[in-house]
Each structure stands twice: as C-alpha cells, then as structure tokens.
Amino acid sequence: MQSLLYYLTTFLVFAVVAVLAAGLWTMLKGKSPNLSQKLMRWRVALQFMAIVVIAAYVFVSNLAG
C-alpha cells in the first residue's frame, strides 16, 4: 500500500508541475484567458489530490510502525 501511495504521490506532483507550466505558458503567450483559468483550476484540484494522498501515505506509514 505504501508503494502505491508513493508512486501516486510522485505522479500527482509531476502532473501539478505540468499543468502549472502549461497554464503559465498559456498566460504568458497571451492566448485564451479561459484556457489559462481552466488550467489553473485543474492545478488546484491536482494539488488537493496530492495533499490527500500525502496525508494517506503518512497515515499508513504511521500504522505500519
């Protein structure tokens, strides 16, 4: 279970970085403001999921001893 949560955390962190970079790129290029806002909302959702998974990882790690 710990390894699954570890890999899921790693995936989510990279996903957050990718969406952040895409959102910033879109914003800096002056393209669609709606797309930039949508990407930033996705970033917030992914960050929330990453925090939940990290908390679950800490909880499972403490149970394991």
PDB file of N, CA and C in Angstrom:
ATOM      1  N   MET A   1       0.831  -1.199   0.000  1.00  0.00           N
ATOM      2  CA  MET A   1       0.000   0.000   0.000  1.00  0.00           C
ATOM      3  C   MET A   1       0.872   1.258   0.000  1.00  0.00           C
ATOM      4  N   GLN A   2       1.969   1.193   0.754  1.00  0.00           N
ATOM      5  CA  GLN A   2       2.843   2.355   0.813  1.00  0.00           C
ATOM      6  C   GLN A   2       3.461   2.663  -0.547  1.00  0.00           C
ATOM      7  N   SER A   3       3.865   1.628  -1.266  1.00  0.00           N
ATOM      8  CA  SER A   3       4.498   1.876  -2.565  1.00  0.00           C
ATOM      9  C   SER A   3       3.482   2.449  -3.561  1.00  0.00           C
ATOM     10  N   LEU A   4       2.235   1.986  -3.504  1.00  0.00           N
ATOM     11  CA  LEU A   4       1.197   2.537  -4.375  1.00  0.00           C
ATOM     12  C   LEU A   4       1.001   4.022  -4.086  1.00  0.00           C
ATOM     13  N   LEU A   5       0.906   4.380  -2.822  1.00  0.00           N
ATOM     14  CA  LEU A   5       0.722   5.781  -2.451  1.00  0.00           C
ATOM     15  C   LEU A   5       1.943   6.612  -2.821  1.00  0.00           C
ATOM     16  N   TYR A   6       3.133   6.023  -2.693  1.00  0.00           N
ATOM     17  CA  TYR A   6       4.358   6.728  -3.067  1.00  0.00           C
ATOM     18  C   TYR A   6       4.354   7.067  -4.559  1.00  0.00           C
ATOM     19  N   TYR A   7       4.046   6.076  -5.389  1.00  0.00           N
ATOM     20  CA  TYR A   7       4.033   6.311  -6.830  1.00  0.00           C
ATOM     21  C   TYR A   7       2.900   7.241  -7.251  1.00  0.00           C
ATOM     22  N   LEU A   8       1.773   7.136  -6.584  1.00  0.00           N
ATOM     23  CA  LEU A   8       0.655   8.030  -6.876  1.00  0.00           C
ATOM     24  C   LEU A   8       1.016   9.473  -6.515  1.00  0.00           C
ATOM     25  N   THR A   9       1.702   9.655  -5.397  1.00  0.00           N
ATOM     26  CA  THR A   9       2.154  10.984  -4.999  1.00  0.00           C
ATOM     27  C   THR A   9       3.123  11.555  -6.026  1.00  0.00           C
ATOM     28  N   THR A  10       4.061  10.725  -6.457  1.00  0.00           N
ATOM     29  CA  THR A  10       5.030  11.171  -7.463  1.00  0.00           C
ATOM     30  C   THR A  10       4.327  11.581  -8.748  1.00  0.00           C
ATOM     31  N   PHE A  11       3.382  10.765  -9.195  1.00  0.00           N
ATOM     32  CA  PHE A  11       2.626  11.081 -10.407  1.00  0.00           C
ATOM     33  C   PHE A  11       1.876  12.399 -10.247  1.00  0.00           C
ATOM     34  N   LEU A  12       1.210  12.593  -9.118  1.00  0.00           N
ATOM     35  CA  LEU A  12       0.423  13.813  -8.913  1.00  0.00           C
ATOM     36  C   LEU A  12       1.312  15.051  -8.857  1.00  0.00           C
ATOM     37  N   VAL A  13       2.475  14.940  -8.247  1.00  0.00           N
ATOM     38  CA  VAL A  13       3.384  16.086  -8.187  1.00  0.00           C
ATOM     39  C   VAL A  13       3.832  16.475  -9.593  1.00  0.00           C
ATOM     40  N   PHE A  14       4.186  15.479 -10.412  1.00  0.00           N
ATOM     41  CA  PHE A  14       4.582  15.784 -11.785  1.00  0.00           C
ATOM     42  C   PHE A  14       3.403  16.346 -12.589  1.00  0.00           C
ATOM     43  N   ALA A  15       2.204  15.860 -12.316  1.00  0.00           N
ATOM     44  CA  ALA A  15       1.018  16.374 -13.005  1.00  0.00           C
ATOM     45  C   ALA A  15       0.780  17.836 -12.631  1.00  0.00           C
ATOM     46  N   VAL A  16       0.960  18.171 -11.363  1.00  0.00           N
ATOM     47  CA  VAL A  16       0.795  19.557 -10.918  1.00  0.00           C
ATOM     48  C   VAL A  16       1.808  20.453 -11.627  1.00  0.00           C
ATOM     49  N   VAL A  17       3.049  20.009 -11.696  1.00  0.00           N
ATOM     50  CA  VAL A  17       4.086  20.804 -12.349  1.00  0.00           C
ATOM     51  C   VAL A  17       3.767  20.992 -13.835  1.00  0.00           C
ATOM     52  N   ALA A  18       3.314  19.934 -14.492  1.00  0.00           N
ATOM     53  CA  ALA A  18       2.994  20.018 -15.919  1.00  0.00           C
ATOM     54  C   ALA A  18       1.829  20.974 -16.178  1.00  0.00           C
ATOM     55  N   VAL A  19       0.784  20.882 -15.369  1.00  0.00           N
ATOM     56  CA  VAL A  19      -0.376  21.757 -15.556  1.00  0.00           C
ATOM     57  C   VAL A  19      -0.015  23.199 -15.212  1.00  0.00           C
ATOM     58  N   LEU A  20       0.802  23.387 -14.185  1.00  0.00           N
ATOM     59  CA  LEU A  20       1.255  24.732 -13.837  1.00  0.00           C
ATOM     60  C   LEU A  20       2.050  25.341 -14.986  1.00  0.00           C
ATOM     61  N   ALA A  21       2.966  24.570 -15.549  1.00  0.00           N
ATOM     62  CA  ALA A  21       3.775  25.073 -16.666  1.00  0.00           C
ATOM     63  C   ALA A  21       2.894  25.396 -17.880  1.00  0.00           C
ATOM     64  N   ALA A  22       1.943  24.536 -18.172  1.00  0.00           N
ATOM     65  CA  ALA A  22       1.046  24.780 -19.304  1.00  0.00           C
ATOM     66  C   ALA A  22       0.203  26.031 -19.066  1.00  0.00           C
ATOM     67  N   GLY A  23      -0.289  26.206 -17.856  1.00  0.00           N
ATOM     68  CA  GLY A  23      -1.092  27.390 -17.537  1.00  0.00           C
ATOM     69  C   GLY A  23      -0.290  28.671 -17.614  1.00  0.00           C
ATOM     70  N   LEU A  24       0.921  28.624 -17.088  1.00  0.00           N
ATOM     71  CA  LEU A  24       1.779  29.810 -17.160  1.00  0.00           C
ATOM     72  C   LEU A  24       2.168  30.129 -18.602  1.00  0.00           C
ATOM     73  N   TRP A  25       2.461  29.091 -19.373  1.00  0.00           N
ATOM     74  CA  TRP A  25       2.816  29.289 -20.785  1.00  0.00           C
ATOM     75  C   TRP A  25       1.663  29.937 -21.545  1.00  0.00           C
ATOM     76  N   THR A  26       0.469  29.433 -21.307  1.00  0.00           N
ATOM     77  CA  THR A  26      -0.715  29.983 -21.975  1.00  0.00           C
ATOM     78  C   THR A  26      -0.932  31.436 -21.564  1.00  0.00           C
ATOM     79  N   MET A  27      -0.748  31.720 -20.270  1.00  0.00           N
ATOM     80  CA  MET A  27      -0.960  33.073 -19.781  1.00  0.00           C
ATOM     81  C   MET A  27       0.099  34.032 -20.332  1.00  0.00           C
ATOM     82  N   LEU A  28       1.354  33.600 -20.350  1.00  0.00           N
ATOM     83  CA  LEU A  28       2.425  34.472 -20.823  1.00  0.00           C
ATOM     84  C   LEU A  28       2.364  34.728 -22.326  1.00  0.00           C
ATOM     85  N   LYS A  29       1.872  33.763 -23.078  1.00  0.00           N
ATOM     86  CA  LYS A  29       1.753  33.935 -24.526  1.00  0.00           C
ATOM     87  C   LYS A  29       0.551  34.801 -24.893  1.00  0.00           C
ATOM     88  N   GLY A  30      -0.323  35.063 -23.928  1.00  0.00           N
ATOM     89  CA  GLY A  30      -1.478  35.909 -24.188  1.00  0.00           C
ATOM     90  C   GLY A  30      -2.563  35.207 -24.977  1.00  0.00           C
ATOM     91  N   LYS A  31      -2.549  33.891 -24.928  1.00  0.00           N
ATOM     92  CA  LYS A  31      -3.580  33.140 -25.637  1.00  0.00           C
ATOM     93  C   LYS A  31      -4.876  33.212 -24.840  1.00  0.00           C
ATOM     94  N   SER A  32      -5.730  32.262 -25.001  1.00  0.00           N
ATOM     95  CA  SER A  32      -7.056  32.261 -24.397  1.00  0.00           C
ATOM     96  C   SER A  32      -6.998  32.374 -22.868  1.00  0.00           C
ATOM     97  N   PRO A  33      -7.543  33.453 -22.313  1.00  0.00           N
ATOM     98  CA  PRO A  33      -7.580  33.575 -20.850  1.00  0.00           C
ATOM     99  C   PRO A  33      -8.454  32.491 -20.209  1.00  0.00           C
ATOM    100  N   ASN A  34      -9.478  32.032 -20.931  1.00  0.00           N
ATOM    101  CA  ASN A  34     -10.339  30.984 -20.387  1.00  0.00           C
ATOM    102  C   ASN A  34      -9.571  29.680 -20.215  1.00  0.00           C
ATOM    103  N   LEU A  35      -8.705  29.369 -21.175  1.00  0.00           N
ATOM    104  CA  LEU A  35      -7.902  28.157 -21.076  1.00  0.00           C
ATOM    105  C   LEU A  35      -6.919  28.256 -19.914  1.00  0.00           C
ATOM    106  N   SER A  36      -6.322  29.407 -19.746  1.00  0.00           N
ATOM    107  CA  SER A  36      -5.394  29.610 -18.636  1.00  0.00           C
ATOM    108  C   SER A  36      -6.102  29.434 -17.297  1.00  0.00           C
ATOM    109  N   GLN A  37      -7.295  29.986 -17.171  1.00  0.00           N
ATOM    110  CA  GLN A  37      -8.067  29.844 -15.936  1.00  0.00           C
ATOM    111  C   GLN A  37      -8.453  28.385 -15.694  1.00  0.00           C
ATOM    112  N   LYS A  38      -8.826  27.691 -16.759  1.00  0.00           N
ATOM    113  CA  LYS A  38      -9.199  26.285 -16.630  1.00  0.00           C
ATOM    114  C   LYS A  38      -8.001  25.450 -16.164  1.00  0.00           C
ATOM    115  N   LEU A  39      -6.834  25.737 -16.719  1.00  0.00           N
ATOM    116  CA  LEU A  39      -5.633  25.009 -16.307  1.00  0.00           C
ATOM    117  C   LEU A  39      -5.275  25.298 -14.851  1.00  0.00           C
ATOM    118  N   MET A  40      -5.458  26.533 -14.425  1.00  0.00           N
ATOM    119  CA  MET A  40      -5.153  26.859 -13.028  1.00  0.00           C
ATOM    120  C   MET A  40      -6.146  26.183 -12.074  1.00  0.00           C
ATOM    121  N   ARG A  41      -7.399  26.025 -12.506  1.00  0.00           N
ATOM    122  CA  ARG A  41      -8.366  25.282 -11.678  1.00  0.00           C
ATOM    123  C   ARG A  41      -7.977  23.811 -11.588  1.00  0.00           C
ATOM    124  N   TRP A  42      -7.511  23.256 -12.698  1.00  0.00           N
ATOM    125  CA  TRP A  42      -7.021  21.871 -12.687  1.00  0.00           C
ATOM    126  C   TRP A  42      -5.826  21.733 -11.739  1.00  0.00           C
ATOM    127  N   ARG A  43      -4.947  22.752 -11.738  1.00  0.00           N
ATOM    128  CA  ARG A  43      -3.785  22.716 -10.855  1.00  0.00           C
ATOM    129  C   ARG A  43      -4.210  22.667  -9.396  1.00  0.00           C
ATOM    130  N   VAL A  44      -5.179  23.482  -9.043  1.00  0.00           N
ATOM    131  CA  VAL A  44      -5.661  23.495  -7.653  1.00  0.00           C
ATOM    132  C   VAL A  44      -6.260  22.146  -7.285  1.00  0.00           C
ATOM    133  N   ALA A  45      -7.037  21.555  -8.183  1.00  0.00           N
ATOM    134  CA  ALA A  45      -7.636  20.242  -7.917  1.00  0.00           C
ATOM    135  C   ALA A  45      -6.552  19.168  -7.766  1.00  0.00           C
ATOM    136  N   LEU A  46      -5.551  19.207  -8.628  1.00  0.00           N
ATOM    137  CA  LEU A  46      -4.464  18.230  -8.530  1.00  0.00           C
ATOM    138  C   LEU A  46      -3.658  18.418  -7.254  1.00  0.00           C
ATOM    139  N   GLN A  47      -3.447  19.655  -6.843  1.00  0.00           N
ATOM    140  CA  GLN A  47      -2.746  19.905  -5.585  1.00  0.00           C
ATOM    141  C   GLN A  47      -3.540  19.353  -4.406  1.00  0.00           C
ATOM    142  N   PHE A  48      -4.847  19.527  -4.429  1.00  0.00           N
ATOM    143  CA  PHE A  48      -5.686  18.983  -3.366  1.00  0.00           C
ATOM    144  C   PHE A  48      -5.563  17.463  -3.309  1.00  0.00           C
ATOM    145  N   MET A  49      -5.619  16.823  -4.484  1.00  0.00           N
ATOM    146  CA  MET A  49      -5.489  15.362  -4.515  1.00  0.00           C
ATOM    147  C   MET A  49      -4.116  14.922  -4.016  1.00  0.00           C
ATOM    148  N   ALA A  50      -3.077  15.665  -4.375  1.00  0.00           N
ATOM    149  CA  ALA A  50      -1.731  15.327  -3.920  1.00  0.00           C
ATOM    150  C   ALA A  50      -1.634  15.433  -2.400  1.00  0.00           C
ATOM    151  N   ILE A  51      -2.236  16.450  -1.819  1.00  0.00           N
ATOM    152  CA  ILE A  51      -2.201  16.614  -0.360  1.00  0.00           C
ATOM    153  C   ILE A  51      -2.946  15.481   0.324  1.00  0.00           C
ATOM    154  N   VAL A  52      -4.082  15.085  -0.221  1.00  0.00           N
ATOM    155  CA  VAL A  52      -4.847  13.978   0.352  1.00  0.00           C
ATOM    156  C   VAL A  52      -4.042  12.680   0.294  1.00  0.00           C
ATOM    157  N   VAL A  53      -3.391  12.432  -0.835  1.00  0.00           N
ATOM    158  CA  VAL A  53      -2.599  11.204  -0.977  1.00  0.00           C
ATOM    159  C   VAL A  53      -1.385  11.239  -0.043  1.00  0.00           C
ATOM    160  N   ILE A  54      -0.742  12.388   0.095  1.00  0.00           N
ATOM    161  CA  ILE A  54       0.389  12.501   1.017  1.00  0.00           C
ATOM    162  C   ILE A  54      -0.062  12.259   2.447  1.00  0.00           C
ATOM    163  N   ALA A  55      -1.202  12.801   2.836  1.00  0.00           N
ATOM    164  CA  ALA A  55      -1.734  12.569   4.177  1.00  0.00           C
ATOM    165  C   ALA A  55      -2.040  11.088   4.387  1.00  0.00           C
ATOM    166  N   ALA A  56      -2.593  10.429   3.375  1.00  0.00           N
ATOM    167  CA  ALA A  56      -2.867   8.997   3.466  1.00  0.00           C
ATOM    168  C   ALA A  56      -1.569   8.212   3.597  1.00  0.00           C
ATOM    169  N   TYR A  57      -0.539   8.616   2.871  1.00  0.00           N
ATOM    170  CA  TYR A  57       0.762   7.954   2.950  1.00  0.00           C
ATOM    171  C   TYR A  57       1.344   8.073   4.355  1.00  0.00           C
ATOM    172  N   VAL A  58       1.262   9.260   4.941  1.00  0.00           N
ATOM    173  CA  VAL A  58       1.763   9.464   6.301  1.00  0.00           C
ATOM    174  C   VAL A  58       0.959   8.620   7.279  1.00  0.00           C
ATOM    175  N   PHE A  59      -0.343   8.577   7.112  1.00  0.00           N
ATOM    176  CA  PHE A  59      -1.193   7.789   7.994  1.00  0.00           C
ATOM    177  C   PHE A  59      -0.848   6.302   7.911  1.00  0.00           C
ATOM    178  N   VAL A  60      -0.712   5.790   6.704  1.00  0.00           N
ATOM    179  CA  VAL A  60      -0.378   4.370   6.517  1.00  0.00           C
ATOM    180  C   VAL A  60       1.023   4.075   7.047  1.00  0.00           C
ATOM    181  N   SER A  61       1.945   4.999   6.858  1.00  0.00           N
ATOM    182  CA  SER A  61       3.307   4.798   7.361  1.00  0.00           C
ATOM    183  C   SER A  61       3.332   4.723   8.882  1.00  0.00           C
ATOM    184  N   ASN A  62       2.521   5.558   9.528  1.00  0.00           N
ATOM    185  CA  ASN A  62       2.469   5.525  10.991  1.00  0.00           C
ATOM    186  C   ASN A  62       1.817   4.251  11.504  1.00  0.00           C
ATOM    187  N   LEU A  63       0.863   3.716  10.770  1.00  0.00           N
ATOM    188  CA  LEU A  63       0.226   2.459  11.173  1.00  0.00           C
ATOM    189  C   LEU A  63       1.198   1.280  11.042  1.00  0.00           C
ATOM    190  N   ALA A  64       2.037   1.335  10.018  1.00  0.00           N
ATOM    191  CA  ALA A  64       2.970   0.238   9.759  1.00  0.00           C
ATOM    192  C   ALA A  64       4.079   0.180  10.799  1.00  0.00           C
ATOM    193  N   GLY A  65       4.318   1.270  11.444  1.00  0.00           N
ATOM    194  CA  GLY A  65       5.298   1.253  12.528  1.00  0.00           C
ATOM    195  C   GLY A  65       6.518   1.927  12.170  1.00  0.00           C
TER     196      GLY A  65
END
